[in-house]
Protein backbone atom coordinates (compact mmCIF):
# COMPACT_ATOMS: atom_id res chain seq x y z
CA MET A 1 -190.22 -114.28 -0.27
CA PRO A 2 -189.89 -117.36 1.26
CA VAL A 3 -189.40 -120.50 -1.04
CA VAL A 4 -192.79 -122.20 0.12
CA ILE A 5 -194.79 -119.20 -0.83
CA THR A 6 -193.21 -119.11 -4.30
CA VAL A 7 -194.20 -122.59 -4.92
CA LYS A 8 -197.53 -122.27 -3.44
CA LEU A 9 -198.02 -119.54 -5.95
CA LEU A 10 -196.71 -121.86 -8.93
CA GLN A 11 -198.89 -124.71 -7.48
CA ASP A 12 -201.92 -122.27 -7.67
CA ALA A 13 -201.01 -120.95 -11.33
CA MET A 14 -200.64 -124.76 -12.22
CA ALA A 15 -204.06 -125.77 -10.81
CA GLU A 16 -205.68 -122.80 -12.80
CA VAL A 17 -204.27 -124.02 -16.14
CA ILE A 18 -205.39 -127.75 -15.28
CA ASN A 19 -208.89 -126.50 -14.29
CA ALA A 20 -209.03 -124.38 -17.43
CA THR A 21 -207.51 -126.75 -20.01
CA GLY A 22 -206.95 -130.26 -18.43
CA LYS A 23 -203.56 -130.14 -19.36
CA VAL A 24 -201.30 -131.52 -16.54
CA ASN A 25 -197.71 -131.44 -18.06
CA PHE A 26 -195.60 -128.16 -17.40
CA LEU A 27 -192.26 -127.03 -18.04
CA ILE A 28 -190.98 -124.72 -15.63
CA ASP A 29 -187.64 -123.10 -16.50
CA GLY A 30 -185.25 -122.61 -14.08
CA PHE A 31 -186.79 -124.53 -11.07
CA PRO A 32 -185.68 -125.82 -8.91
CA ARG A 33 -182.33 -124.03 -8.71
CA SER A 34 -181.25 -125.24 -5.23
CA LEU A 35 -181.82 -127.72 -2.58
CA GLU A 36 -183.90 -125.29 -0.73
CA ASN A 37 -186.12 -124.80 -4.03
CA TRP A 38 -186.55 -128.48 -4.25
CA ASN A 39 -187.29 -129.21 -0.47
CA GLY A 40 -189.96 -126.22 -0.65
CA TYR A 41 -191.38 -127.83 -3.78
CA LYS A 42 -191.66 -131.20 -2.24
CA GLU A 43 -193.32 -129.91 0.99
CA VAL A 44 -196.00 -127.87 -1.10
CA PHE A 45 -196.66 -130.75 -3.66
CA GLY A 46 -196.34 -133.52 -1.04
CA ILE A 47 -193.55 -135.38 -2.70
CA THR A 48 -192.24 -138.09 -0.70
CA SER A 49 -190.06 -140.45 -2.79
CA ASP A 50 -188.14 -140.39 -5.99
CA ALA A 51 -190.62 -142.10 -7.78
CA GLN A 52 -192.92 -139.07 -7.33
CA MET A 53 -190.37 -136.42 -8.47
CA PRO A 54 -190.81 -134.76 -11.79
CA THR A 55 -188.26 -135.00 -14.78
CA MET A 56 -185.65 -132.28 -15.06
CA LEU A 57 -184.42 -131.33 -18.29
CA PHE A 58 -180.75 -130.12 -17.94
CA PHE A 59 -179.28 -128.22 -21.03
CA GLU A 60 -175.48 -128.61 -20.70
CA CYS A 61 -173.14 -126.31 -22.66
CA PRO A 62 -169.20 -125.85 -22.02
CA LEU A 63 -168.22 -122.32 -21.09
CA PRO A 64 -166.22 -121.70 -24.37
CA VAL A 65 -169.37 -122.17 -26.47
CA LEU A 66 -171.45 -120.04 -24.06
CA GLU A 67 -168.72 -117.43 -24.32
CA LYS A 68 -168.79 -117.47 -28.12
CA ARG A 69 -172.66 -117.18 -28.10
CA VAL A 70 -172.68 -114.33 -25.67
CA LEU A 71 -170.33 -112.30 -27.58
CA LYS A 72 -172.20 -112.66 -30.78
CA ARG A 73 -175.48 -111.64 -28.84
CA ALA A 74 -173.56 -108.52 -27.45
CA LYS A 75 -173.27 -107.20 -30.98
CA HIS A 76 -177.05 -106.69 -30.95
CA SER A 77 -178.30 -106.98 -27.52
CA GLY A 78 -177.43 -103.72 -25.94
CA ARG A 79 -177.21 -105.68 -22.52
CA SER A 80 -174.38 -104.36 -20.38
CA ASP A 81 -173.77 -108.04 -18.95
CA ASP A 82 -173.24 -109.40 -22.42
CA ASN A 83 -169.53 -109.54 -21.75
CA VAL A 84 -167.03 -112.44 -20.94
CA GLU A 85 -166.62 -111.50 -17.21
CA SER A 86 -170.11 -111.31 -16.24
CA LEU A 87 -170.84 -114.57 -18.11
CA ARG A 88 -168.21 -116.25 -16.23
CA LYS A 89 -169.44 -115.01 -12.76
CA ARG A 90 -172.84 -116.23 -13.98
CA PHE A 91 -171.62 -119.68 -15.07
CA ASN A 92 -169.70 -120.21 -11.75
CA THR A 93 -172.62 -119.09 -9.68
CA PHE A 94 -174.82 -121.72 -11.47
CA LYS A 95 -172.03 -124.28 -11.04
CA ASP A 96 -171.77 -123.44 -7.36
CA GLU A 97 -175.29 -123.22 -6.66
CA THR A 98 -177.30 -125.39 -9.06
CA MET A 99 -175.40 -128.46 -9.91
CA GLN A 100 -176.22 -130.03 -6.43
CA ILE A 101 -179.94 -130.18 -7.54
CA VAL A 102 -178.80 -131.35 -10.93
CA ASN A 103 -176.94 -134.14 -9.40
CA THR A 104 -179.89 -134.88 -7.01
CA PHE A 105 -182.15 -135.58 -10.10
CA ARG A 106 -179.37 -137.44 -11.94
CA ASP A 107 -178.92 -139.90 -8.80
CA ALA A 108 -182.77 -140.33 -8.98
CA GLY A 109 -182.78 -141.11 -12.70
CA LYS A 110 -184.98 -138.01 -13.15
CA CYS A 111 -182.59 -136.06 -15.19
CA VAL A 112 -182.64 -135.80 -18.90
CA GLU A 113 -179.19 -134.09 -20.22
CA VAL A 114 -179.39 -132.12 -23.35
CA ASP A 115 -175.99 -131.40 -25.22
CA SER A 116 -176.89 -127.72 -26.22
CA SER A 117 -173.46 -126.97 -27.50
CA ASN A 118 -174.07 -127.95 -31.03
CA GLU A 119 -174.21 -125.35 -33.98
CA ARG A 120 -177.57 -125.25 -35.94
């Protein structure tokens, strides 16, 4: 599905919520993941400057902490991809494909970084 179609669906869903509730703040998990996503978002929402950018929340966690968490989850999840090899592939894909957009938001001063490595 072309990104503009996806973003238009997102925009329509947001408009429904705004019309029904009056609420205008949204947390969109995992989007944008790429410059292509961001460019489609800008096109559909008419964003023309950094000042109009939404704020990104970026939850940073080092790979060793993620590995420990996934192995703990694997004891109960039953997921076939809850293993170190799959996690490392997902982590590397994330770094290769998504860090460029994170850096775009950082450079614009629109990235709030959260250290999610601490245990509770």
